[in-house]
Protein backbone atom coordinates (compact mmCIF):
# COMPACT_ATOMS: atom_id res chain seq x y z
CA UNK A 1 -27.43 11.77 -57.38
CA UNK A 2 -30.98 10.80 -56.40
CA UNK A 3 -31.43 9.07 -53.04
CA UNK A 4 -33.31 5.77 -52.72
CA UNK A 5 -35.21 7.20 -49.76
CA UNK A 6 -36.11 10.86 -49.42
CA UNK A 7 -34.88 11.30 -45.88
CA UNK A 8 -31.65 12.09 -44.04
CA UNK A 9 -30.34 8.53 -44.15
CA UNK A 10 -31.11 8.17 -47.86
CA UNK A 11 -29.27 11.39 -48.65
CA UNK A 12 -26.29 10.39 -46.49
CA UNK A 13 -26.09 7.02 -48.27
CA UNK A 14 -26.12 8.70 -51.69
CA UNK A 15 -23.40 11.12 -50.65
CA UNK A 16 -21.23 8.25 -49.42
CA UNK A 17 -21.84 6.13 -52.54
CA UNK A 18 -21.65 8.81 -55.22
CA UNK A 19 -19.11 11.36 -54.01
CA UNK A 20 -15.68 11.75 -52.50
CA UNK A 21 -16.84 14.41 -50.05
CA UNK A 22 -14.78 14.51 -46.87
CA UNK A 23 -16.18 17.69 -45.32
CA UNK A 24 -19.44 19.58 -45.72
CA UNK A 25 -21.68 22.25 -44.21
CA UNK A 26 -25.19 21.20 -43.23
CA UNK A 27 -27.60 24.14 -42.95
CA UNK A 28 -30.26 22.88 -40.55
CA UNK A 29 -32.92 23.73 -38.02
CA UNK A 30 -32.63 23.64 -34.26
CA UNK A 31 -35.13 20.74 -34.21
CA UNK A 32 -33.54 18.16 -36.45
CA UNK A 33 -33.00 14.44 -36.45
CA UNK A 34 -29.40 13.31 -35.92
CA UNK A 35 -29.18 10.56 -38.56
CA UNK A 36 -27.65 12.64 -41.37
CA UNK A 37 -24.66 13.87 -39.39
CA UNK A 38 -24.26 10.58 -37.53
CA UNK A 39 -24.21 8.48 -40.72
CA UNK A 40 -21.72 10.75 -42.48
CA UNK A 41 -19.60 11.21 -39.35
CA UNK A 42 -19.36 7.45 -38.82
CA UNK A 43 -17.99 7.19 -42.37
CA UNK A 44 -15.33 9.80 -41.67
CA UNK A 45 -17.03 12.81 -43.26
CA UNK A 46 -16.60 15.98 -41.21
CA UNK A 47 -20.05 17.61 -40.94
CA UNK A 48 -20.37 21.22 -39.81
CA UNK A 49 -23.96 21.72 -38.67
CA UNK A 50 -25.00 25.37 -38.85
CA UNK A 51 -28.37 26.11 -37.30
CA UNK A 52 -30.16 28.66 -39.47
CA UNK A 53 -33.73 28.47 -38.16
CA UNK A 54 -35.94 27.28 -35.32
CA UNK A 55 -39.35 25.64 -35.65
CA UNK A 56 -41.65 27.16 -33.07
CA UNK A 57 -45.08 25.57 -32.64
CA UNK A 58 -48.18 27.75 -32.72
CA UNK A 59 -49.76 27.80 -29.27
CA UNK A 60 -53.33 28.79 -30.21
CA UNK A 61 -54.52 26.27 -32.80
CA UNK A 62 -58.12 26.17 -33.97
CA UNK A 63 -58.97 22.94 -35.74
CA UNK A 64 -61.87 23.35 -38.20
CA UNK A 65 -65.03 21.47 -37.21
CA UNK A 66 -65.23 19.45 -40.40
CA UNK A 67 -65.09 15.79 -41.39
CA UNK A 68 -62.15 15.76 -43.82
CA UNK A 69 -61.54 13.02 -46.38
CA UNK A 70 -57.87 12.96 -45.33
CA UNK A 71 -55.45 14.87 -43.12
CA UNK A 72 -51.90 15.39 -44.45
CA UNK A 73 -48.83 15.79 -42.24
CA UNK A 74 -45.56 17.11 -43.66
CA UNK A 75 -43.29 16.87 -40.59
CA UNK A 76 -42.97 15.31 -37.15
CA UNK A 77 -42.91 18.80 -35.64
CA UNK A 78 -46.33 19.52 -37.17
CA UNK A 79 -47.67 16.33 -35.56
CA UNK A 80 -46.17 17.26 -32.20
CA UNK A 81 -47.47 20.84 -32.31
CA UNK A 82 -50.98 19.77 -33.26
CA UNK A 83 -51.32 17.03 -30.68
CA UNK A 84 -49.71 19.06 -27.88
CA UNK A 85 -52.24 21.83 -28.48
CA UNK A 86 -55.06 20.00 -26.76
CA UNK A 87 -57.86 17.61 -27.63
CA UNK A 88 -58.53 16.99 -31.30
CA UNK A 89 -61.51 15.69 -33.20
CA UNK A 90 -61.59 11.93 -33.60
CA UNK A 91 -61.02 11.91 -37.34
CA UNK A 92 -62.30 8.78 -39.05
CA UNK A 93 -60.34 9.56 -42.19
CA UNK A 94 -56.86 8.46 -43.26
CA UNK A 95 -53.89 10.35 -41.80
CA UNK A 96 -51.18 10.63 -44.46
CA UNK A 97 -47.53 11.22 -43.59
CA UNK A 98 -44.93 12.49 -46.03
CA UNK A 99 -42.33 9.98 -44.76
CA UNK A 100 -41.63 7.29 -42.20
CA UNK A 101 -40.38 9.65 -39.49
CA UNK A 102 -43.61 11.63 -39.68
CA UNK A 103 -45.64 8.39 -39.74
CA UNK A 104 -43.84 7.23 -36.59
CA UNK A 105 -44.68 10.53 -34.86
CA UNK A 106 -48.31 10.15 -35.94
CA UNK A 107 -48.48 6.59 -34.66
CA UNK A 108 -47.29 7.72 -31.23
CA UNK A 109 -49.62 10.72 -31.14
CA UNK A 110 -52.88 9.15 -32.33
CA UNK A 111 -52.70 5.83 -30.51
CA UNK A 112 -55.03 7.06 -27.74
CA UNK A 113 -57.45 8.70 -30.20
CA UNK A 114 -57.78 6.26 -33.09
CA UNK A 115 -58.20 6.97 -36.79
CA UNK A 116 -58.99 5.20 -40.03
CA UNK A 117 -55.30 4.50 -40.39
CA UNK A 118 -51.92 6.07 -40.87
CA UNK A 119 -50.41 5.91 -44.32
CA UNK A 120 -47.01 6.91 -45.65
CA UNK A 121 -46.74 8.47 -49.10
CA UNK A 122 -44.93 6.41 -51.76
CA UNK A 123 -42.39 9.23 -52.10
CA UNK A 124 -41.74 12.33 -50.03
CA UNK A 125 -43.63 14.70 -52.30
CA UNK A 126 -46.90 16.60 -51.99
CA UNK A 127 -48.03 14.95 -55.24
CA UNK A 128 -47.57 11.46 -53.78
CA UNK A 129 -49.51 12.48 -50.67
CA UNK A 130 -52.42 13.80 -52.73
CA UNK A 131 -52.41 10.69 -54.94
CA UNK A 132 -52.62 8.53 -51.83
CA UNK A 133 -55.49 10.63 -50.42
CA UNK A 134 -57.43 10.32 -53.68
CA UNK A 135 -56.77 6.57 -53.97
CA UNK A 136 -57.75 5.88 -50.35
CA UNK A 137 -61.01 7.79 -50.78
CA UNK A 138 -61.83 6.06 -54.07
CA UNK A 139 -61.25 2.70 -52.37
CA UNK A 140 -63.45 3.75 -49.44
CA UNK A 141 -66.29 4.66 -51.84
CA UNK A 142 -66.39 1.16 -53.39
């Protein structure tokens, strides 16, 4: 059972298509998106959400004074924590998101600052993010 999209909606769709599950436990964080439970609940699956952790942003962030070739973001909460921490360098490099939800958070956060662009990895894996960073920098060097 491999989802078409590596996000909450993709997983919910696969569960509904490939299983006969009528009730499940969802171990989750306090800061979570509602789509997984909503999609399954709308289809009649009873979802028991059990909060097992909380994502707390760091309040004293020091951003290195470098000119990176790319900046990678693995979650919307990382985007929020970074941009709430104060002014950031105006990076002229690509900003790469692991998925669409993170890309949407980036788009909202960087609109006032600008960047060389926001890109979403082909799949929600660190390998896909690194491949995109390499490819974008090779293209930029041409």
